[in-house]
Amino acid sequence: MTNTEIVEETIQFVKEKLAGAEGGHDWFHIQRVFNNTLLIAKDEKVDVLTVSLGALLHDIADAKFHNGDETVGPKLAKSFLQSLKVNKATIEHVVNIIANISFKSSLKDGSDKKKKFASKELQVVQDADRLDAIGAIGIARAFNYGGFKNRQLHNPDIPPNLNMNKEEYKKSTAPTINHFYEKLLLLKDKMNTPSGKKLAESRHQYMLDYLTQFDHEWNGLL
């Protein structure tokens, strides 16, 4: 099977698995991350098959939709890639990307004593995923998920928690506006690649402008 065929088979697999998924984590999210990945990869020395598969499979079973179980996605991706007879090194690399891509993986975790996995391929896919979490689409995804979880839009009496550890982040039920301060506004400075950093600038500014407008409207200033 050629690399192109592997990617096409993976696209079909992901479309089927994510049919009916929450709107911020559906096939279209995957498609945007995949496109961002290929865009960033043009300026980086990476294995294109690895980043392509990492992007396509990174949310195949997001832990937040599986009772917080972070092992489901990597296991499912590994089983699928083995069925396509992808070489073992590529499979392990993709599995490591999936296991380490999330924002919460960068937070403090007292139980995690192992050295973090790192690779240029992970950096590229991670940047692509983070780009889809900010800007206009990031705002839409945040409120879509907040609605999905029946969370408040905003509550001035619940301040953002800027020092959450991994477990606190996973269990948070805070209003959606808090999520901007607890995660989304932090992503610009967590970008890995030059291309990712450049692309994040305007999206970050868009969110700042939005929050200013939101605050003015909330407080009856406009």
C-alpha atoms as a PDB file:
ATOM      1  CA  MET A   1       0.000   0.000   0.000  1.00  0.00           C
ATOM      2  CA  THR A   2       1.417   3.413  -0.969  1.00  0.00           C
ATOM      3  CA  ASN A   3       1.605   6.350   1.441  1.00  0.00           C
ATOM      4  CA  THR A   4      -1.177   8.071  -0.487  1.00  0.00           C
ATOM      5  CA  GLU A   5      -3.398   5.006  -0.143  1.00  0.00           C
ATOM      6  CA  ILE A   6      -2.636   4.791   3.584  1.00  0.00           C
ATOM      7  CA  VAL A   7      -3.670   8.417   4.048  1.00  0.00           C
ATOM      8  CA  GLU A   8      -6.865   7.926   2.008  1.00  0.00           C
ATOM      9  CA  GLU A   9      -7.805   4.826   4.019  1.00  0.00           C
ATOM     10  CA  THR A  10      -7.162   6.770   7.226  1.00  0.00           C
ATOM     11  CA  ILE A  11      -9.371   9.654   6.089  1.00  0.00           C
ATOM     12  CA  GLN A  12     -12.256   7.264   5.449  1.00  0.00           C
ATOM     13  CA  PHE A  13     -11.716   5.543   8.805  1.00  0.00           C
ATOM     14  CA  VAL A  14     -11.746   8.857  10.696  1.00  0.00           C
ATOM     15  CA  LYS A  15     -14.850  10.109   8.877  1.00  0.00           C
ATOM     16  CA  GLU A  16     -16.694   6.944   9.876  1.00  0.00           C
ATOM     17  CA  LYS A  17     -15.505   6.942  13.502  1.00  0.00           C
ATOM     18  CA  LEU A  18     -16.342  10.610  14.071  1.00  0.00           C
ATOM     19  CA  ALA A  19     -19.740  10.605  12.389  1.00  0.00           C
ATOM     20  CA  GLY A  20     -22.070  12.425  14.784  1.00  0.00           C
ATOM     21  CA  ALA A  21     -19.233  13.741  16.969  1.00  0.00           C
ATOM     22  CA  GLU A  22     -19.493  17.008  18.935  1.00  0.00           C
ATOM     23  CA  GLY A  23     -19.068  19.903  16.487  1.00  0.00           C
ATOM     24  CA  GLY A  24     -15.718  21.093  17.785  1.00  0.00           C
ATOM     25  CA  HIS A  25     -14.146  17.641  17.559  1.00  0.00           C
ATOM     26  CA  ASP A  26     -15.735  16.254  14.406  1.00  0.00           C
ATOM     27  CA  TRP A  27     -14.315  15.375  10.982  1.00  0.00           C
ATOM     28  CA  PHE A  28     -14.132  19.023   9.961  1.00  0.00           C
ATOM     29  CA  HIS A  29     -11.871  19.758  12.929  1.00  0.00           C
ATOM     30  CA  ILE A  30      -9.641  16.901  11.807  1.00  0.00           C
ATOM     31  CA  GLN A  31      -9.669  18.186   8.232  1.00  0.00           C
ATOM     32  CA  ARG A  32      -8.613  21.677   9.332  1.00  0.00           C
ATOM     33  CA  VAL A  33      -5.812  20.295  11.510  1.00  0.00           C
ATOM     34  CA  PHE A  34      -4.693  18.058   8.635  1.00  0.00           C
ATOM     35  CA  ASN A  35      -4.562  21.042   6.266  1.00  0.00           C
ATOM     36  CA  ASN A  36      -2.727  23.173   8.845  1.00  0.00           C
ATOM     37  CA  THR A  37      -0.276  20.316   9.359  1.00  0.00           C
ATOM     38  CA  LEU A  38       0.584  20.074   5.669  1.00  0.00           C
ATOM     39  CA  LEU A  39       0.964  23.859   5.511  1.00  0.00           C
ATOM     40  CA  ILE A  40       3.386  24.001   8.447  1.00  0.00           C
ATOM     41  CA  ALA A  41       5.238  20.861   7.314  1.00  0.00           C
ATOM     42  CA  LYS A  42       6.297  22.612   4.109  1.00  0.00           C
ATOM     43  CA  ASP A  43       8.770  24.651   6.158  1.00  0.00           C
ATOM     44  CA  GLU A  44       9.953  21.838   8.414  1.00  0.00           C
ATOM     45  CA  LYS A  45      12.094  18.748   7.876  1.00  0.00           C
ATOM     46  CA  VAL A  46       9.590  16.110   8.916  1.00  0.00           C
ATOM     47  CA  ASP A  47       8.245  12.791   7.708  1.00  0.00           C
ATOM     48  CA  VAL A  48       5.081  13.748   5.836  1.00  0.00           C
ATOM     49  CA  LEU A  49       3.361  10.381   6.334  1.00  0.00           C
ATOM     50  CA  THR A  50       3.919  10.542  10.090  1.00  0.00           C
ATOM     51  CA  VAL A  51       2.538  14.072  10.478  1.00  0.00           C
ATOM     52  CA  SER A  52      -0.359  13.274   8.154  1.00  0.00           C
ATOM     53  CA  LEU A  53      -1.386  10.231  10.176  1.00  0.00           C
ATOM     54  CA  GLY A  54      -0.776  12.057  13.452  1.00  0.00           C
ATOM     55  CA  ALA A  55      -3.072  14.881  12.375  1.00  0.00           C
ATOM     56  CA  LEU A  56      -5.788  12.580  11.062  1.00  0.00           C
ATOM     57  CA  LEU A  57      -5.813  10.321  14.123  1.00  0.00           C
ATOM     58  CA  HIS A  58      -5.012  12.799  16.913  1.00  0.00           C
ATOM     59  CA  ASP A  59      -8.642  13.006  18.101  1.00  0.00           C
ATOM     60  CA  ILE A  60      -9.864   9.577  17.019  1.00  0.00           C
ATOM     61  CA  ALA A  61     -10.983   8.972  20.616  1.00  0.00           C
ATOM     62  CA  ASP A  62     -10.537  12.174  22.617  1.00  0.00           C
ATOM     63  CA  ALA A  63     -10.277  11.338  26.313  1.00  0.00           C
ATOM     64  CA  LYS A  64     -12.882  13.950  27.270  1.00  0.00           C
ATOM     65  CA  PHE A  65     -15.491  11.857  25.441  1.00  0.00           C
ATOM     66  CA  HIS A  66     -14.259   8.579  26.954  1.00  0.00           C
ATOM     67  CA  ASN A  67     -14.518   9.232  30.690  1.00  0.00           C
ATOM     68  CA  GLY A  68     -11.059  10.796  30.739  1.00  0.00           C
ATOM     69  CA  ASP A  69      -9.344   7.608  29.532  1.00  0.00           C
ATOM     70  CA  GLU A  70      -6.270   8.791  27.630  1.00  0.00           C
ATOM     71  CA  THR A  71      -5.357   5.290  26.420  1.00  0.00           C
ATOM     72  CA  VAL A  72      -8.344   4.755  24.112  1.00  0.00           C
ATOM     73  CA  GLY A  73      -7.148   6.977  21.251  1.00  0.00           C
ATOM     74  CA  PRO A  74      -3.578   5.647  21.040  1.00  0.00           C
ATOM     75  CA  LYS A  75      -4.796   2.034  21.214  1.00  0.00           C
ATOM     76  CA  LEU A  76      -7.420   2.545  18.514  1.00  0.00           C
ATOM     77  CA  ALA A  77      -4.957   4.316  16.228  1.00  0.00           C
ATOM     78  CA  LYS A  78      -2.338   1.617  16.729  1.00  0.00           C
ATOM     79  CA  SER A  79      -4.786  -1.174  15.924  1.00  0.00           C
ATOM     80  CA  PHE A  80      -5.998   0.601  12.807  1.00  0.00           C
ATOM     81  CA  LEU A  81      -2.505   1.351  11.479  1.00  0.00           C
ATOM     82  CA  GLN A  82      -1.433  -2.224  12.131  1.00  0.00           C
ATOM     83  CA  SER A  83      -4.375  -3.381   9.999  1.00  0.00           C
ATOM     84  CA  LEU A  84      -2.917  -1.308   7.140  1.00  0.00           C
ATOM     85  CA  LYS A  85       0.488  -2.867   7.763  1.00  0.00           C
ATOM     86  CA  VAL A  86       2.139   0.502   8.358  1.00  0.00           C
ATOM     87  CA  ASN A  87       5.726   0.022   9.520  1.00  0.00           C
ATOM     88  CA  LYS A  88       6.237  -0.299  13.272  1.00  0.00           C
ATOM     89  CA  ALA A  89       8.419   2.797  13.662  1.00  0.00           C
ATOM     90  CA  THR A  90       5.810   5.026  12.038  1.00  0.00           C
ATOM     91  CA  ILE A  91       3.024   3.495  14.119  1.00  0.00           C
ATOM     92  CA  GLU A  92       4.886   4.087  17.371  1.00  0.00           C
ATOM     93  CA  HIS A  93       5.695   7.657  16.361  1.00  0.00           C
ATOM     94  CA  VAL A  94       2.046   8.392  15.514  1.00  0.00           C
ATOM     95  CA  VAL A  95       0.868   6.811  18.767  1.00  0.00           C
ATOM     96  CA  ASN A  96       3.299   9.012  20.702  1.00  0.00           C
ATOM     97  CA  ILE A  97       2.017  12.102  18.892  1.00  0.00           C
ATOM     98  CA  ILE A  98      -1.561  11.243  19.865  1.00  0.00           C
ATOM     99  CA  ALA A  99      -0.575  10.575  23.481  1.00  0.00           C
ATOM    100  CA  ASN A 100       1.347  13.842  23.865  1.00  0.00           C
ATOM    101  CA  ILE A 101      -0.397  16.400  21.659  1.00  0.00           C
ATOM    102  CA  SER A 102      -2.971  17.800  24.092  1.00  0.00           C
ATOM    103  CA  PHE A 103      -2.680  21.031  26.070  1.00  0.00           C
ATOM    104  CA  LYS A 104      -3.246  19.153  29.313  1.00  0.00           C
ATOM    105  CA  SER A 105      -0.131  17.099  28.594  1.00  0.00           C
ATOM    106  CA  SER A 106       1.877  20.289  29.141  1.00  0.00           C
ATOM    107  CA  LEU A 107       0.392  20.861  32.597  1.00  0.00           C
ATOM    108  CA  LYS A 108       1.944  19.722  35.857  1.00  0.00           C
ATOM    109  CA  ASP A 109       1.176  16.143  36.764  1.00  0.00           C
ATOM    110  CA  GLY A 110       2.588  14.833  40.011  1.00  0.00           C
ATOM    111  CA  SER A 111       2.136  11.226  38.918  1.00  0.00           C
ATOM    112  CA  ASP A 112       4.134  11.663  35.700  1.00  0.00           C
ATOM    113  CA  LYS A 113       7.804  11.003  36.347  1.00  0.00           C
ATOM    114  CA  LYS A 114       8.736   9.909  32.836  1.00  0.00           C
ATOM    115  CA  LYS A 115      10.557  12.088  30.351  1.00  0.00           C
ATOM    116  CA  LYS A 116       8.155  13.685  27.901  1.00  0.00           C
ATOM    117  CA  PHE A 117       8.153  12.445  24.306  1.00  0.00           C
ATOM    118  CA  ALA A 118       9.428  15.015  21.817  1.00  0.00           C
ATOM    119  CA  SER A 119       9.863  15.129  18.048  1.00  0.00           C
ATOM    120  CA  LYS A 120       9.668  17.658  15.242  1.00  0.00           C
ATOM    121  CA  GLU A 121       6.645  15.783  13.896  1.00  0.00           C
ATOM    122  CA  LEU A 122       4.839  16.197  17.225  1.00  0.00           C
ATOM    123  CA  GLN A 123       5.642  19.905  17.191  1.00  0.00           C
ATOM    124  CA  VAL A 124       4.141  20.342  13.719  1.00  0.00           C
ATOM    125  CA  VAL A 125       0.893  18.478  14.475  1.00  0.00           C
ATOM    126  CA  GLN A 126       0.599  20.138  17.869  1.00  0.00           C
ATOM    127  CA  ASP A 127       0.909  23.596  16.306  1.00  0.00           C
ATOM    128  CA  ALA A 128      -1.705  22.690  13.696  1.00  0.00           C
ATOM    129  CA  ASP A 129      -4.097  21.501  16.400  1.00  0.00           C
ATOM    130  CA  ARG A 130      -3.494  24.583  18.543  1.00  0.00           C
ATOM    131  CA  LEU A 131      -4.177  26.885  15.609  1.00  0.00           C
ATOM    132  CA  ASP A 132      -7.653  25.384  15.348  1.00  0.00           C
ATOM    133  CA  ALA A 133      -8.229  26.176  19.033  1.00  0.00           C
ATOM    134  CA  ILE A 134      -7.712  29.936  18.615  1.00  0.00           C
ATOM    135  CA  GLY A 135      -9.057  32.737  16.445  1.00  0.00           C
ATOM    136  CA  ALA A 136     -12.588  32.806  15.046  1.00  0.00           C
ATOM    137  CA  ILE A 137     -12.871  29.029  14.825  1.00  0.00           C
ATOM    138  CA  GLY A 138     -11.381  28.621  18.283  1.00  0.00           C
ATOM    139  CA  ILE A 139     -14.059  30.925  19.702  1.00  0.00           C
ATOM    140  CA  ALA A 140     -16.792  28.977  17.916  1.00  0.00           C
ATOM    141  CA  ARG A 141     -15.406  25.651  19.153  1.00  0.00           C
ATOM    142  CA  ALA A 142     -15.128  26.885  22.747  1.00  0.00           C
ATOM    143  CA  PHE A 143     -18.759  27.956  22.933  1.00  0.00           C
ATOM    144  CA  ASN A 144     -19.951  24.905  21.038  1.00  0.00           C
ATOM    145  CA  TYR A 145     -18.286  22.624  23.598  1.00  0.00           C
ATOM    146  CA  GLY A 146     -19.505  24.801  26.462  1.00  0.00           C
ATOM    147  CA  GLY A 147     -23.050  24.398  25.166  1.00  0.00           C
ATOM    148  CA  PHE A 148     -22.515  20.669  24.722  1.00  0.00           C
ATOM    149  CA  LYS A 149     -21.562  20.497  28.428  1.00  0.00           C
ATOM    150  CA  ASN A 150     -24.301  22.974  29.462  1.00  0.00           C
ATOM    151  CA  ARG A 151     -21.785  25.422  30.927  1.00  0.00           C
ATOM    152  CA  GLN A 152     -22.385  29.093  31.682  1.00  0.00           C
ATOM    153  CA  LEU A 153     -21.163  31.580  29.095  1.00  0.00           C
ATOM    154  CA  HIS A 154     -19.618  33.713  31.816  1.00  0.00           C
ATOM    155  CA  ASN A 155     -19.846  34.204  35.558  1.00  0.00           C
ATOM    156  CA  PRO A 156     -17.919  37.152  37.032  1.00  0.00           C
ATOM    157  CA  ASP A 157     -18.020  35.445  40.443  1.00  0.00           C
ATOM    158  CA  ILE A 158     -15.950  32.509  39.142  1.00  0.00           C
ATOM    159  CA  PRO A 159     -12.454  33.808  38.275  1.00  0.00           C
ATOM    160  CA  PRO A 160     -10.184  31.892  35.891  1.00  0.00           C
ATOM    161  CA  ASN A 161      -7.821  29.421  37.543  1.00  0.00           C
ATOM    162  CA  LEU A 162      -4.437  30.208  36.056  1.00  0.00           C
ATOM    163  CA  ASN A 163      -2.501  27.587  38.004  1.00  0.00           C
ATOM    164  CA  MET A 164      -4.374  24.361  37.300  1.00  0.00           C
ATOM    165  CA  ASN A 165      -2.594  21.049  37.264  1.00  0.00           C
ATOM    166  CA  LYS A 166      -3.543  18.339  34.787  1.00  0.00           C
ATOM    167  CA  GLU A 167      -6.235  16.736  36.944  1.00  0.00           C
ATOM    168  CA  GLU A 168      -7.831  20.068  37.836  1.00  0.00           C
ATOM    169  CA  TYR A 169      -7.943  21.006  34.161  1.00  0.00           C
ATOM    170  CA  LYS A 170      -9.601  17.713  33.217  1.00  0.00           C
ATOM    171  CA  LYS A 171     -12.267  18.110  35.927  1.00  0.00           C
ATOM    172  CA  SER A 172     -12.984  21.805  35.380  1.00  0.00           C
ATOM    173  CA  THR A 173     -16.606  22.833  34.772  1.00  0.00           C
ATOM    174  CA  ALA A 174     -15.893  26.576  34.665  1.00  0.00           C
ATOM    175  CA  PRO A 175     -17.768  29.020  32.388  1.00  0.00           C
ATOM    176  CA  THR A 176     -16.600  29.152  28.777  1.00  0.00           C
ATOM    177  CA  ILE A 177     -15.076  32.642  29.046  1.00  0.00           C
ATOM    178  CA  ASN A 178     -12.691  31.275  31.698  1.00  0.00           C
ATOM    179  CA  HIS A 179     -11.384  28.807  29.128  1.00  0.00           C
ATOM    180  CA  PHE A 180      -9.915  31.685  27.131  1.00  0.00           C
ATOM    181  CA  TYR A 181      -7.711  32.714  30.049  1.00  0.00           C
ATOM    182  CA  GLU A 182      -6.980  29.198  31.248  1.00  0.00           C
ATOM    183  CA  LYS A 183      -5.963  27.847  27.825  1.00  0.00           C
ATOM    184  CA  LEU A 184      -6.712  29.657  24.569  1.00  0.00           C
ATOM    185  CA  LEU A 185      -4.800  32.876  25.250  1.00  0.00           C
ATOM    186  CA  LEU A 186      -1.793  30.824  26.377  1.00  0.00           C
ATOM    187  CA  LEU A 187      -1.424  28.913  23.121  1.00  0.00           C
ATOM    188  CA  LYS A 188       0.294  31.652  21.086  1.00  0.00           C
ATOM    189  CA  ASP A 189       3.355  31.470  23.322  1.00  0.00           C
ATOM    190  CA  LYS A 190       3.318  27.668  23.264  1.00  0.00           C
ATOM    191  CA  MET A 191       3.660  27.351  19.492  1.00  0.00           C
ATOM    192  CA  ASN A 192       6.692  25.321  18.443  1.00  0.00           C
ATOM    193  CA  THR A 193       7.499  26.211  14.844  1.00  0.00           C
ATOM    194  CA  PRO A 194       8.206  29.551  13.124  1.00  0.00           C
ATOM    195  CA  SER A 195       5.214  29.038  10.827  1.00  0.00           C
ATOM    196  CA  GLY A 196       2.957  28.149  13.727  1.00  0.00           C
ATOM    197  CA  LYS A 197       4.038  31.205  15.691  1.00  0.00           C
ATOM    198  CA  LYS A 198       3.401  33.493  12.735  1.00  0.00           C
ATOM    199  CA  LEU A 199      -0.033  32.040  11.999  1.00  0.00           C
ATOM    200  CA  ALA A 200      -1.025  32.305  15.660  1.00  0.00           C
ATOM    201  CA  GLU A 201      -0.445  36.055  15.928  1.00  0.00           C
ATOM    202  CA  SER A 202      -3.545  37.312  14.122  1.00  0.00           C
ATOM    203  CA  ARG A 203      -5.759  34.609  15.630  1.00  0.00           C
ATOM    204  CA  HIS A 204      -4.592  35.552  19.112  1.00  0.00           C
ATOM    205  CA  GLN A 205      -5.328  39.228  18.492  1.00  0.00           C
ATOM    206  CA  TYR A 206      -8.794  38.339  17.197  1.00  0.00           C
ATOM    207  CA  MET A 207      -9.566  36.639  20.507  1.00  0.00           C
ATOM    208  CA  LEU A 208      -8.352  39.640  22.490  1.00  0.00           C
ATOM    209  CA  ASP A 209     -10.577  41.926  20.443  1.00  0.00           C
ATOM    210  CA  TYR A 210     -13.510  39.564  20.931  1.00  0.00           C
ATOM    211  CA  LEU A 211     -13.043  39.448  24.708  1.00  0.00           C
ATOM    212  CA  THR A 212     -12.924  43.247  24.858  1.00  0.00           C
ATOM    213  CA  GLN A 213     -16.197  43.430  22.921  1.00  0.00           C
ATOM    214  CA  PHE A 214     -17.742  40.700  25.096  1.00  0.00           C
ATOM    215  CA  ASP A 215     -16.757  42.528  28.275  1.00  0.00           C
ATOM    216  CA  HIS A 216     -18.194  45.830  27.031  1.00  0.00           C
ATOM    217  CA  GLU A 217     -21.482  44.223  26.051  1.00  0.00           C
ATOM    218  CA  TRP A 218     -21.698  42.202  29.294  1.00  0.00           C
ATOM    219  CA  ASN A 219     -21.259  45.357  31.351  1.00  0.00           C
ATOM    220  CA  GLY A 220     -23.547  47.530  29.230  1.00  0.00           C
ATOM    221  CA  LEU A 221     -20.769  49.751  27.957  1.00  0.00           C
ATOM    222  CA  LEU A 222     -21.757  49.466  24.290  1.00  0.00           C
END
